[in-house]
Amino acid sequence: MADNNQNGCLTVGEGVKLTGNFVVPDIASISGTIEGELTAREILVGSTGILKGKVTADVVDVRGEIHDNLTANKSLFIRSTGKVIGTVQYTEIEIEKGGDLQGNLLKSANGNSAS
């Protein structure tokens, strides 16, 4: 299994609950629960995954749930089983049939952030 580990990645398995602030340089794959703040290059929320708090990434792919504040600097995908509730800031968005989005939507002018 160690061969599947990648530097700069976080995997939260089903049934695991983490609380706090997390900065992930690459991909965060969530099948468990995170409460707090999560920042990553890419966030993949599995069908059993739940994020509660401030979530920020370039690409966010949701098959589970995100609650509170979500910022997708490039792309946001809400799959058929996905649910996003809260304030959502995005550049591009795609919602599959059955996907659920509730809250305030703020479209970014572009995917570039000021340096």
PDB file of N, CA and C in Angstrom:
ATOM      1  N   MET A   1       0.809  -1.202   0.000  1.00  0.00           N
ATOM      2  CA  MET A   1       0.000   0.000   0.000  1.00  0.00           C
ATOM      3  C   MET A   1       0.850   1.263   0.000  1.00  0.00           C
ATOM      4  N   ALA A   2       2.029   1.184   0.546  1.00  0.00           N
ATOM      5  CA  ALA A   2       2.881   2.370   0.631  1.00  0.00           C
ATOM      6  C   ALA A   2       3.209   2.922  -0.751  1.00  0.00           C
ATOM      7  N   ASP A   3       3.151   2.079  -1.772  1.00  0.00           N
ATOM      8  CA  ASP A   3       3.441   2.542  -3.120  1.00  0.00           C
ATOM      9  C   ASP A   3       2.409   3.552  -3.611  1.00  0.00           C
ATOM     10  N   ASN A   4       1.201   3.532  -3.030  1.00  0.00           N
ATOM     11  CA  ASN A   4       0.151   4.446  -3.447  1.00  0.00           C
ATOM     12  C   ASN A   4       0.303   5.841  -2.843  1.00  0.00           C
ATOM     13  N   ASN A   5       1.169   5.984  -1.839  1.00  0.00           N
ATOM     14  CA  ASN A   5       1.364   7.287  -1.208  1.00  0.00           C
ATOM     15  C   ASN A   5       2.068   8.242  -2.157  1.00  0.00           C
ATOM     16  N   GLN A   6       1.601   9.480  -2.145  1.00  0.00           N
ATOM     17  CA  GLN A   6       2.226  10.504  -2.967  1.00  0.00           C
ATOM     18  C   GLN A   6       2.615  11.663  -2.063  1.00  0.00           C
ATOM     19  N   ASN A   7       3.775  12.237  -2.322  1.00  0.00           N
ATOM     20  CA  ASN A   7       4.215  13.385  -1.541  1.00  0.00           C
ATOM     21  C   ASN A   7       3.240  14.537  -1.714  1.00  0.00           C
ATOM     22  N   GLY A   8       2.941  15.219  -0.636  1.00  0.00           N
ATOM     23  CA  GLY A   8       2.092  16.400  -0.701  1.00  0.00           C
ATOM     24  C   GLY A   8       0.611  16.108  -0.797  1.00  0.00           C
ATOM     25  N   CYS A   9       0.195  14.854  -0.591  1.00  0.00           N
ATOM     26  CA  CYS A   9      -1.216  14.474  -0.698  1.00  0.00           C
ATOM     27  C   CYS A   9      -1.775  14.081   0.663  1.00  0.00           C
ATOM     28  N   LEU A  10      -3.083  14.225   0.803  1.00  0.00           N
ATOM     29  CA  LEU A  10      -3.778  13.824   2.023  1.00  0.00           C
ATOM     30  C   LEU A  10      -4.937  12.921   1.634  1.00  0.00           C
ATOM     31  N   THR A  11      -5.038  11.773   2.297  1.00  0.00           N
ATOM     32  CA  THR A  11      -6.176  10.877   2.095  1.00  0.00           C
ATOM     33  C   THR A  11      -6.838  10.657   3.443  1.00  0.00           C
ATOM     34  N   VAL A  12      -8.129  10.965   3.514  1.00  0.00           N
ATOM     35  CA  VAL A  12      -8.901  10.753   4.728  1.00  0.00           C
ATOM     36  C   VAL A  12      -9.912   9.660   4.419  1.00  0.00           C
ATOM     37  N   GLY A  13      -9.718   8.509   5.019  1.00  0.00           N
ATOM     38  CA  GLY A  13     -10.557   7.355   4.736  1.00  0.00           C
ATOM     39  C   GLY A  13     -11.927   7.425   5.367  1.00  0.00           C
ATOM     40  N   GLU A  14     -12.823   6.600   4.860  1.00  0.00           N
ATOM     41  CA  GLU A  14     -14.181   6.522   5.373  1.00  0.00           C
ATOM     42  C   GLU A  14     -14.151   6.165   6.855  1.00  0.00           C
ATOM     43  N   GLY A  15     -14.931   6.901   7.661  1.00  0.00           N
ATOM     44  CA  GLY A  15     -14.980   6.657   9.096  1.00  0.00           C
ATOM     45  C   GLY A  15     -13.986   7.484   9.895  1.00  0.00           C
ATOM     46  N   VAL A  16     -13.031   8.142   9.218  1.00  0.00           N
ATOM     47  CA  VAL A  16     -12.030   8.971   9.896  1.00  0.00           C
ATOM     48  C   VAL A  16     -12.576  10.395  10.022  1.00  0.00           C
ATOM     49  N   LYS A  17     -12.391  11.010  11.198  1.00  0.00           N
ATOM     50  CA  LYS A  17     -12.822  12.382  11.417  1.00  0.00           C
ATOM     51  C   LYS A  17     -11.632  13.213  11.876  1.00  0.00           C
ATOM     52  N   LEU A  18     -11.356  14.304  11.170  1.00  0.00           N
ATOM     53  CA  LEU A  18     -10.274  15.218  11.513  1.00  0.00           C
ATOM     54  C   LEU A  18     -10.854  16.594  11.794  1.00  0.00           C
ATOM     55  N   THR A  19     -10.267  17.273  12.771  1.00  0.00           N
ATOM     56  CA  THR A  19     -10.674  18.635  13.101  1.00  0.00           C
ATOM     57  C   THR A  19      -9.427  19.505  13.146  1.00  0.00           C
ATOM     58  N   GLY A  20      -9.481  20.676  12.491  1.00  0.00           N
ATOM     59  CA  GLY A  20      -8.346  21.589  12.505  1.00  0.00           C
ATOM     60  C   GLY A  20      -8.191  22.290  11.183  1.00  0.00           C
ATOM     61  N   ASN A  21      -7.001  22.872  10.973  1.00  0.00           N
ATOM     62  CA  ASN A  21      -6.682  23.576   9.738  1.00  0.00           C
ATOM     63  C   ASN A  21      -5.616  22.791   8.993  1.00  0.00           C
ATOM     64  N   PHE A  22      -5.883  22.506   7.721  1.00  0.00           N
ATOM     65  CA  PHE A  22      -4.997  21.659   6.922  1.00  0.00           C
ATOM     66  C   PHE A  22      -4.599  22.358   5.634  1.00  0.00           C
ATOM     67  N   VAL A  23      -3.298  22.347   5.337  1.00  0.00           N
ATOM     68  CA  VAL A  23      -2.780  22.874   4.084  1.00  0.00           C
ATOM     69  C   VAL A  23      -2.119  21.705   3.367  1.00  0.00           C
ATOM     70  N   VAL A  24      -2.641  21.376   2.186  1.00  0.00           N
ATOM     71  CA  VAL A  24      -2.171  20.236   1.418  1.00  0.00           C
ATOM     72  C   VAL A  24      -1.601  20.758   0.105  1.00  0.00           C
ATOM     73  N   PRO A  25      -0.307  20.531  -0.169  1.00  0.00           N
ATOM     74  CA  PRO A  25       0.308  21.086  -1.378  1.00  0.00           C
ATOM     75  C   PRO A  25      -0.267  20.541  -2.687  1.00  0.00           C
ATOM     76  N   ASP A  26      -0.801  19.317  -2.663  1.00  0.00           N
ATOM     77  CA  ASP A  26      -1.261  18.718  -3.909  1.00  0.00           C
ATOM     78  C   ASP A  26      -2.732  18.307  -3.797  1.00  0.00           C
ATOM     79  N   ILE A  27      -3.033  17.028  -3.675  1.00  0.00           N
ATOM     80  CA  ILE A  27      -4.408  16.527  -3.725  1.00  0.00           C
ATOM     81  C   ILE A  27      -4.876  16.063  -2.350  1.00  0.00           C
ATOM     82  N   ALA A  28      -6.074  16.506  -1.959  1.00  0.00           N
ATOM     83  CA  ALA A  28      -6.720  16.018  -0.749  1.00  0.00           C
ATOM     84  C   ALA A  28      -7.917  15.176  -1.182  1.00  0.00           C
ATOM     85  N   SER A  29      -7.900  13.912  -0.814  1.00  0.00           N
ATOM     86  CA  SER A  29      -8.974  12.985  -1.158  1.00  0.00           C
ATOM     87  C   SER A  29      -9.714  12.638   0.129  1.00  0.00           C
ATOM     88  N   ILE A  30     -10.988  13.024   0.196  1.00  0.00           N
ATOM     89  CA  ILE A  30     -11.727  12.939   1.451  1.00  0.00           C
ATOM     90  C   ILE A  30     -12.907  11.972   1.320  1.00  0.00           C
ATOM     91  N   SER A  31     -12.853  10.888   2.084  1.00  0.00           N
ATOM     92  CA  SER A  31     -13.985   9.964   2.177  1.00  0.00           C
ATOM     93  C   SER A  31     -14.537   9.946   3.598  1.00  0.00           C
ATOM     94  N   GLY A  32     -13.822  10.574   4.517  1.00  0.00           N
ATOM     95  CA  GLY A  32     -14.258  10.711   5.900  1.00  0.00           C
ATOM     96  C   GLY A  32     -14.795  12.112   6.125  1.00  0.00           C
ATOM     97  N   THR A  33     -14.536  12.675   7.310  1.00  0.00           N
ATOM     98  CA  THR A  33     -15.051  13.989   7.683  1.00  0.00           C
ATOM     99  C   THR A  33     -13.915  14.906   8.113  1.00  0.00           C
ATOM    100  N   ILE A  34     -13.937  16.134   7.609  1.00  0.00           N
ATOM    101  CA  ILE A  34     -13.019  17.180   8.075  1.00  0.00           C
ATOM    102  C   ILE A  34     -13.862  18.360   8.528  1.00  0.00           C
ATOM    103  N   GLU A  35     -13.584  18.836   9.756  1.00  0.00           N
ATOM    104  CA  GLU A  35     -14.204  20.046  10.263  1.00  0.00           C
ATOM    105  C   GLU A  35     -13.097  21.055  10.511  1.00  0.00           C
ATOM    106  N   GLY A  36     -13.201  22.215   9.873  1.00  0.00           N
ATOM    107  CA  GLY A  36     -12.173  23.239  10.023  1.00  0.00           C
ATOM    108  C   GLY A  36     -11.874  23.895   8.697  1.00  0.00           C
ATOM    109  N   GLU A  37     -10.592  24.041   8.406  1.00  0.00           N
ATOM    110  CA  GLU A  37     -10.171  24.715   7.189  1.00  0.00           C
ATOM    111  C   GLU A  37      -9.280  23.780   6.378  1.00  0.00           C
ATOM    112  N   LEU A  38      -9.574  23.676   5.080  1.00  0.00           N
ATOM    113  CA  LEU A  38      -8.789  22.832   4.190  1.00  0.00           C
ATOM    114  C   LEU A  38      -8.420  23.620   2.949  1.00  0.00           C
ATOM    115  N   THR A  39      -7.115  23.704   2.681  1.00  0.00           N
ATOM    116  CA  THR A  39      -6.603  24.348   1.477  1.00  0.00           C
ATOM    117  C   THR A  39      -5.737  23.340   0.743  1.00  0.00           C
ATOM    118  N   ALA A  40      -5.978  23.173  -0.557  1.00  0.00           N
ATOM    119  CA  ALA A  40      -5.203  22.227  -1.362  1.00  0.00           C
ATOM    120  C   ALA A  40      -5.211  22.685  -2.819  1.00  0.00           C
ATOM    121  N   ARG A  41      -4.344  22.066  -3.626  1.00  0.00           N
ATOM    122  CA  ARG A  41      -4.374  22.344  -5.070  1.00  0.00           C
ATOM    123  C   ARG A  41      -5.641  21.750  -5.669  1.00  0.00           C
ATOM    124  N   GLU A  42      -5.958  20.521  -5.250  1.00  0.00           N
ATOM    125  CA  GLU A  42      -7.150  19.833  -5.747  1.00  0.00           C
ATOM    126  C   GLU A  42      -7.798  19.083  -4.590  1.00  0.00           C
ATOM    127  N   ILE A  43      -9.136  19.178  -4.496  1.00  0.00           N
ATOM    128  CA  ILE A  43      -9.873  18.482  -3.455  1.00  0.00           C
ATOM    129  C   ILE A  43     -10.889  17.557  -4.113  1.00  0.00           C
ATOM    130  N   LEU A  44     -10.813  16.286  -3.738  1.00  0.00           N
ATOM    131  CA  LEU A  44     -11.746  15.284  -4.232  1.00  0.00           C
ATOM    132  C   LEU A  44     -12.555  14.796  -3.038  1.00  0.00           C
ATOM    133  N   VAL A  45     -13.850  15.051  -3.051  1.00  0.00           N
ATOM    134  CA  VAL A  45     -14.717  14.629  -1.951  1.00  0.00           C
ATOM    135  C   VAL A  45     -15.484  13.403  -2.416  1.00  0.00           C
ATOM    136  N   GLY A  46     -15.180  12.257  -1.812  1.00  0.00           N
ATOM    137  CA  GLY A  46     -15.852  11.009  -2.163  1.00  0.00           C
ATOM    138  C   GLY A  46     -17.298  11.014  -1.713  1.00  0.00           C
ATOM    139  N   SER A  47     -18.066  10.023  -2.129  1.00  0.00           N
ATOM    140  CA  SER A  47     -19.499   9.982  -1.835  1.00  0.00           C
ATOM    141  C   SER A  47     -19.795   9.935  -0.340  1.00  0.00           C
ATOM    142  N   THR A  48     -18.852   9.448   0.471  1.00  0.00           N
ATOM    143  CA  THR A  48     -19.046   9.417   1.924  1.00  0.00           C
ATOM    144  C   THR A  48     -18.327  10.580   2.617  1.00  0.00           C
ATOM    145  N   GLY A  49     -17.671  11.443   1.854  1.00  0.00           N
ATOM    146  CA  GLY A  49     -16.897  12.549   2.411  1.00  0.00           C
ATOM    147  C   GLY A  49     -17.761  13.728   2.810  1.00  0.00           C
ATOM    148  N   ILE A  50     -17.372  14.372   3.932  1.00  0.00           N
ATOM    149  CA  ILE A  50     -18.061  15.570   4.413  1.00  0.00           C
ATOM    150  C   ILE A  50     -17.005  16.586   4.847  1.00  0.00           C
ATOM    151  N   LEU A  51     -17.107  17.794   4.316  1.00  0.00           N
ATOM    152  CA  LEU A  51     -16.234  18.899   4.725  1.00  0.00           C
ATOM    153  C   LEU A  51     -17.116  19.988   5.322  1.00  0.00           C
ATOM    154  N   LYS A  52     -16.753  20.442   6.527  1.00  0.00           N
ATOM    155  CA  LYS A  52     -17.490  21.519   7.182  1.00  0.00           C
ATOM    156  C   LYS A  52     -16.481  22.588   7.557  1.00  0.00           C
ATOM    157  N   GLY A  53     -16.618  23.770   6.958  1.00  0.00           N
ATOM    158  CA  GLY A  53     -15.705  24.858   7.253  1.00  0.00           C
ATOM    159  C   GLY A  53     -15.317  25.609   6.001  1.00  0.00           C
ATOM    160  N   LYS A  54     -14.105  26.141   5.997  1.00  0.00           N
ATOM    161  CA  LYS A  54     -13.605  26.917   4.865  1.00  0.00           C
ATOM    162  C   LYS A  54     -12.765  26.001   3.966  1.00  0.00           C
ATOM    163  N   VAL A  55     -13.183  25.877   2.714  1.00  0.00           N
ATOM    164  CA  VAL A  55     -12.532  24.987   1.761  1.00  0.00           C
ATOM    165  C   VAL A  55     -12.042  25.825   0.575  1.00  0.00           C
ATOM    166  N   THR A  56     -10.742  25.697   0.240  1.00  0.00           N
ATOM    167  CA  THR A  56     -10.161  26.464  -0.858  1.00  0.00           C
ATOM    168  C   THR A  56      -9.257  25.575  -1.694  1.00  0.00           C
ATOM    169  N   ALA A  57      -9.455  25.603  -3.022  1.00  0.00           N
ATOM    170  CA  ALA A  57      -8.608  24.830  -3.934  1.00  0.00           C
ATOM    171  C   ALA A  57      -8.761  25.366  -5.340  1.00  0.00           C
ATOM    172  N   ASP A  58      -7.834  24.981  -6.216  1.00  0.00           N
ATOM    173  CA  ASP A  58      -7.973  25.328  -7.630  1.00  0.00           C
ATOM    174  C   ASP A  58      -9.114  24.529  -8.241  1.00  0.00           C
ATOM    175  N   VAL A  59      -9.125  23.232  -7.966  1.00  0.00           N
ATOM    176  CA  VAL A  59     -10.150  22.333  -8.511  1.00  0.00           C
ATOM    177  C   VAL A  59     -10.823  21.596  -7.356  1.00  0.00           C
ATOM    178  N   VAL A  60     -12.155  21.592  -7.352  1.00  0.00           N
ATOM    179  CA  VAL A  60     -12.919  20.885  -6.328  1.00  0.00           C
ATOM    180  C   VAL A  60     -13.917  19.973  -7.038  1.00  0.00           C
ATOM    181  N   ASP A  61     -13.882  18.690  -6.699  1.00  0.00           N
ATOM    182  CA  ASP A  61     -14.757  17.679  -7.289  1.00  0.00           C
ATOM    183  C   ASP A  61     -15.558  17.060  -6.146  1.00  0.00           C
ATOM    184  N   VAL A  62     -16.876  17.280  -6.143  1.00  0.00           N
ATOM    185  CA  VAL A  62     -17.710  16.910  -4.995  1.00  0.00           C
ATOM    186  C   VAL A  62     -18.669  15.780  -5.352  1.00  0.00           C
ATOM    187  N   ARG A  63     -18.493  14.657  -4.675  1.00  0.00           N
ATOM    188  CA  ARG A  63     -19.449  13.542  -4.755  1.00  0.00           C
ATOM    189  C   ARG A  63     -20.149  13.372  -3.411  1.00  0.00           C
ATOM    190  N   GLY A  64     -19.583  13.966  -2.364  1.00  0.00           N
ATOM    191  CA  GLY A  64     -20.149  13.938  -1.013  1.00  0.00           C
ATOM    192  C   GLY A  64     -20.732  15.295  -0.669  1.00  0.00           C
ATOM    193  N   GLU A  65     -20.311  15.864   0.489  1.00  0.00           N
ATOM    194  CA  GLU A  65     -20.900  17.126   0.957  1.00  0.00           C
ATOM    195  C   GLU A  65     -19.830  18.137   1.374  1.00  0.00           C
ATOM    196  N   ILE A  66     -20.113  19.404   1.059  1.00  0.00           N
ATOM    197  CA  ILE A  66     -19.317  20.527   1.567  1.00  0.00           C
ATOM    198  C   ILE A  66     -20.296  21.533   2.150  1.00  0.00           C
ATOM    199  N   HIS A  67     -20.016  21.971   3.393  1.00  0.00           N
ATOM    200  CA  HIS A  67     -20.866  22.936   4.084  1.00  0.00           C
ATOM    201  C   HIS A  67     -20.031  24.156   4.458  1.00  0.00           C
ATOM    202  N   ASP A  68     -20.611  25.310   4.416  1.00  0.00           N
ATOM    203  CA  ASP A  68     -20.074  26.605   4.835  1.00  0.00           C
ATOM    204  C   ASP A  68     -19.472  27.377   3.674  1.00  0.00           C
ATOM    205  N   ASN A  69     -18.140  27.507   3.594  1.00  0.00           N
ATOM    206  CA  ASN A  69     -17.515  28.371   2.583  1.00  0.00           C
ATOM    207  C   ASN A  69     -16.624  27.563   1.647  1.00  0.00           C
ATOM    208  N   LEU A  70     -16.860  27.718   0.344  1.00  0.00           N
ATOM    209  CA  LEU A  70     -16.090  27.000  -0.669  1.00  0.00           C
ATOM    210  C   LEU A  70     -15.583  27.981  -1.707  1.00  0.00           C
ATOM    211  N   THR A  71     -14.276  27.939  -1.973  1.00  0.00           N
ATOM    212  CA  THR A  71     -13.683  28.730  -3.051  1.00  0.00           C
ATOM    213  C   THR A  71     -12.970  27.784  -4.000  1.00  0.00           C
ATOM    214  N   ALA A  72     -13.441  27.750  -5.254  1.00  0.00           N
ATOM    215  CA  ALA A  72     -12.795  26.963  -6.308  1.00  0.00           C
ATOM    216  C   ALA A  72     -12.181  27.960  -7.283  1.00  0.00           C
ATOM    217  N   ASN A  73     -10.852  28.123  -7.222  1.00  0.00           N
ATOM    218  CA  ASN A  73     -10.170  29.139  -8.020  1.00  0.00           C
ATOM    219  C   ASN A  73     -10.223  28.877  -9.521  1.00  0.00           C
ATOM    220  N   LYS A  74     -10.355  27.616  -9.915  1.00  0.00           N
ATOM    221  CA  LYS A  74     -10.441  27.284 -11.337  1.00  0.00           C
ATOM    222  C   LYS A  74     -11.764  26.601 -11.661  1.00  0.00           C
ATOM    223  N   SER A  75     -11.959  25.376 -11.173  1.00  0.00           N
ATOM    224  CA  SER A  75     -13.149  24.602 -11.551  1.00  0.00           C
ATOM    225  C   SER A  75     -13.816  23.965 -10.350  1.00  0.00           C
ATOM    226  N   LEU A  76     -15.152  23.957 -10.389  1.00  0.00           N
ATOM    227  CA  LEU A  76     -15.958  23.282  -9.383  1.00  0.00           C
ATOM    228  C   LEU A  76     -16.853  22.288 -10.101  1.00  0.00           C
ATOM    229  N   PHE A  77     -16.772  21.026  -9.686  1.00  0.00           N
ATOM    230  CA  PHE A  77     -17.619  19.974 -10.236  1.00  0.00           C
ATOM    231  C   PHE A  77     -18.484  19.433  -9.111  1.00  0.00           C
ATOM    232  N   ILE A  78     -19.804  19.484  -9.293  1.00  0.00           N
ATOM    233  CA  ILE A  78     -20.716  18.879  -8.335  1.00  0.00           C
ATOM    234  C   ILE A  78     -21.350  17.691  -9.048  1.00  0.00           C
ATOM    235  N   ARG A  79     -20.985  16.508  -8.604  1.00  0.00           N
ATOM    236  CA  ARG A  79     -21.455  15.278  -9.249  1.00  0.00           C
ATOM    237  C   ARG A  79     -22.893  14.967  -8.816  1.00  0.00           C
ATOM    238  N   SER A  80     -23.486  13.951  -9.413  1.00  0.00           N
ATOM    239  CA  SER A  80     -24.897  13.629  -9.164  1.00  0.00           C
ATOM    240  C   SER A  80     -25.197  13.345  -7.693  1.00  0.00           C
ATOM    241  N   THR A  81     -24.211  12.849  -6.947  1.00  0.00           N
ATOM    242  CA  THR A  81     -24.400  12.560  -5.521  1.00  0.00           C
ATOM    243  C   THR A  81     -23.897  13.698  -4.634  1.00  0.00           C
ATOM    244  N   GLY A  82     -23.365  14.753  -5.240  1.00  0.00           N
ATOM    245  CA  GLY A  82     -22.749  15.841  -4.484  1.00  0.00           C
ATOM    246  C   GLY A  82     -23.740  16.849  -3.943  1.00  0.00           C
ATOM    247  N   LYS A  83     -23.356  17.453  -2.809  1.00  0.00           N
ATOM    248  CA  LYS A  83     -24.186  18.470  -2.168  1.00  0.00           C
ATOM    249  C   LYS A  83     -23.267  19.553  -1.626  1.00  0.00           C
ATOM    250  N   VAL A  84     -23.529  20.814  -2.024  1.00  0.00           N
ATOM    251  CA  VAL A  84     -22.758  21.954  -1.534  1.00  0.00           C
ATOM    252  C   VAL A  84     -23.748  22.956  -0.958  1.00  0.00           C
ATOM    253  N   ILE A  85     -23.528  23.338   0.303  1.00  0.00           N
ATOM    254  CA  ILE A  85     -24.413  24.272   0.980  1.00  0.00           C
ATOM    255  C   ILE A  85     -23.567  25.369   1.608  1.00  0.00           C
ATOM    256  N   GLY A  86     -23.843  26.622   1.251  1.00  0.00           N
ATOM    257  CA  GLY A  86     -23.114  27.739   1.843  1.00  0.00           C
ATOM    258  C   GLY A  86     -22.734  28.779   0.812  1.00  0.00           C
ATOM    259  N   THR A  87     -21.672  29.502   1.071  1.00  0.00           N
ATOM    260  CA  THR A  87     -21.177  30.519   0.153  1.00  0.00           C
ATOM    261  C   THR A  87     -20.148  29.887  -0.767  1.00  0.00           C
ATOM    262  N   VAL A  88     -20.383  30.011  -2.075  1.00  0.00           N
ATOM    263  CA  VAL A  88     -19.536  29.362  -3.073  1.00  0.00           C
ATOM    264  C   VAL A  88     -18.973  30.400  -4.022  1.00  0.00           C
ATOM    265  N   GLN A  89     -17.640  30.438  -4.114  1.00  0.00           N
ATOM    266  CA  GLN A  89     -16.970  31.302  -5.084  1.00  0.00           C
ATOM    267  C   GLN A  89     -16.288  30.396  -6.105  1.00  0.00           C
ATOM    268  N   TYR A  90     -16.509  30.674  -7.385  1.00  0.00           N
ATOM    269  CA  TYR A  90     -15.998  29.793  -8.433  1.00  0.00           C
ATOM    270  C   TYR A  90     -15.641  30.587  -9.677  1.00  0.00           C
ATOM    271  N   THR A  91     -14.836  29.979 -10.551  1.00  0.00           N
ATOM    272  CA  THR A  91     -14.535  30.547 -11.858  1.00  0.00           C
ATOM    273  C   THR A  91     -15.341  29.803 -12.919  1.00  0.00           C
ATOM    274  N   GLU A  92     -15.288  28.468 -12.875  1.00  0.00           N
ATOM    275  CA  GLU A  92     -16.088  27.617 -13.753  1.00  0.00           C
ATOM    276  C   GLU A  92     -16.821  26.611 -12.887  1.00  0.00           C
ATOM    277  N   ILE A  93     -18.054  26.282 -13.280  1.00  0.00           N
ATOM    278  CA  ILE A  93     -18.845  25.341 -12.493  1.00  0.00           C
ATOM    279  C   ILE A  93     -19.559  24.361 -13.421  1.00  0.00           C
ATOM    280  N   GLU A  94     -19.649  23.111 -12.954  1.00  0.00           N
ATOM    281  CA  GLU A  94     -20.396  22.086 -13.670  1.00  0.00           C
ATOM    282  C   GLU A  94     -21.174  21.284 -12.641  1.00  0.00           C
ATOM    283  N   ILE A  95     -22.488  21.183 -12.848  1.00  0.00           N
ATOM    284  CA  ILE A  95     -23.339  20.440 -11.929  1.00  0.00           C
ATOM    285  C   ILE A  95     -24.040  19.333 -12.711  1.00  0.00           C
ATOM    286  N   GLU A  96     -23.794  18.097 -12.298  1.00  0.00           N
ATOM    287  CA  GLU A  96     -24.462  16.970 -12.943  1.00  0.00           C
ATOM    288  C   GLU A  96     -25.915  16.900 -12.475  1.00  0.00           C
ATOM    289  N   LYS A  97     -26.767  16.272 -13.285  1.00  0.00           N
ATOM    290  CA  LYS A  97     -28.159  16.065 -12.915  1.00  0.00           C
ATOM    291  C   LYS A  97     -28.195  15.314 -11.587  1.00  0.00           C
ATOM    292  N   GLY A  98     -28.937  15.860 -10.633  1.00  0.00           N
ATOM    293  CA  GLY A  98     -29.017  15.267  -9.304  1.00  0.00           C
ATOM    294  C   GLY A  98     -28.120  15.963  -8.295  1.00  0.00           C
ATOM    295  N   GLY A  99     -27.122  16.707  -8.773  1.00  0.00           N
ATOM    296  CA  GLY A  99     -26.239  17.453  -7.874  1.00  0.00           C
ATOM    297  C   GLY A  99     -27.021  18.562  -7.178  1.00  0.00           C
ATOM    298  N   ASP A 100     -26.639  18.883  -5.943  1.00  0.00           N
ATOM    299  CA  ASP A 100     -27.378  19.838  -5.119  1.00  0.00           C
ATOM    300  C   ASP A 100     -26.475  21.002  -4.730  1.00  0.00           C
ATOM    301  N   LEU A 101     -26.926  22.220  -5.052  1.00  0.00           N
ATOM    302  CA  LEU A 101     -26.177  23.428  -4.702  1.00  0.00           C
ATOM    303  C   LEU A 101     -27.153  24.412  -4.074  1.00  0.00           C
ATOM    304  N   GLN A 102     -26.870  24.789  -2.807  1.00  0.00           N
ATOM    305  CA  GLN A 102     -27.732  25.723  -2.092  1.00  0.00           C
ATOM    306  C   GLN A 102     -26.866  26.776  -1.425  1.00  0.00           C
ATOM    307  N   GLY A 103     -27.214  28.056  -1.637  1.00  0.00           N
ATOM    308  CA  GLY A 103     -26.465  29.106  -0.960  1.00  0.00           C
ATOM    309  C   GLY A 103     -26.197  30.294  -1.858  1.00  0.00           C
ATOM    310  N   ASN A 104     -25.163  31.040  -1.511  1.00  0.00           N
ATOM    311  CA  ASN A 104     -24.780  32.231  -2.257  1.00  0.00           C
ATOM    312  C   ASN A 104     -23.680  31.884  -3.245  1.00  0.00           C
ATOM    313  N   LEU A 105     -23.871  32.285  -4.510  1.00  0.00           N
ATOM    314  CA  LEU A 105     -22.884  32.019  -5.550  1.00  0.00           C
ATOM    315  C   LEU A 105     -22.183  33.308  -5.936  1.00  0.00           C
ATOM    316  N   LEU A 106     -20.860  33.269  -5.984  1.00  0.00           N
ATOM    317  CA  LEU A 106     -20.052  34.411  -6.376  1.00  0.00           C
ATOM    318  C   LEU A 106     -19.110  33.974  -7.488  1.00  0.00           C
ATOM    319  N   LYS A 107     -19.352  34.471  -8.696  1.00  0.00           N
ATOM    320  CA  LYS A 107     -18.496  34.099  -9.825  1.00  0.00           C
ATOM    321  C   LYS A 107     -17.272  34.989  -9.833  1.00  0.00           C
ATOM    322  N   SER A 108     -16.083  34.370  -9.885  1.00  0.00           N
ATOM    323  CA  SER A 108     -14.827  35.131  -9.982  1.00  0.00           C
ATOM    324  C   SER A 108     -14.654  35.616 -11.408  1.00  0.00           C
ATOM    325  N   ALA A 109     -14.012  36.760 -11.570  1.00  0.00           N
ATOM    326  CA  ALA A 109     -13.770  37.299 -12.910  1.00  0.00           C
ATOM    327  C   ALA A 109     -12.827  36.410 -13.686  1.00  0.00           C
ATOM    328  N   ASN A 110     -11.828  35.835 -13.006  1.00  0.00           N
ATOM    329  CA  ASN A 110     -10.890  34.914 -13.650  1.00  0.00           C
ATOM    330  C   ASN A 110     -10.261  34.026 -12.583  1.00  0.00           C
ATOM    331  N   GLY A 111      -9.475  33.086 -13.029  1.00  0.00           N
ATOM    332  CA  GLY A 111      -8.862  32.152 -12.098  1.00  0.00           C
ATOM    333  C   GLY A 111      -7.560  32.641 -11.497  1.00  0.00           C
ATOM    334  N   ASN A 112      -7.156  33.850 -11.815  1.00  0.00           N
ATOM    335  CA  ASN A 112      -5.870  34.350 -11.320  1.00  0.00           C
ATOM    336  C   ASN A 112      -6.074  35.100 -10.008  1.00  0.00           C
ATOM    337  N   SER A 113      -5.212  34.831  -9.055  1.00  0.00           N
ATOM    338  CA  SER A 113      -5.258  35.578  -7.809  1.00  0.00           C
ATOM    339  C   SER A 113      -4.102  36.573  -7.794  1.00  0.00           C
ATOM    340  N   ALA A 114      -4.298  37.665  -7.106  1.00  0.00           N
ATOM    341  CA  ALA A 114      -3.258  38.695  -7.050  1.00  0.00           C
ATOM    342  C   ALA A 114      -2.054  38.177  -6.279  1.00  0.00           C
ATOM    343  N   SER A 115      -0.882  38.492  -6.745  1.00  0.00           N
ATOM    344  CA  SER A 115       0.341  38.062  -6.062  1.00  0.00           C
ATOM    345  C   SER A 115       0.958  39.211  -5.329  1.00  0.00           C
TER     346      SER A 115
END
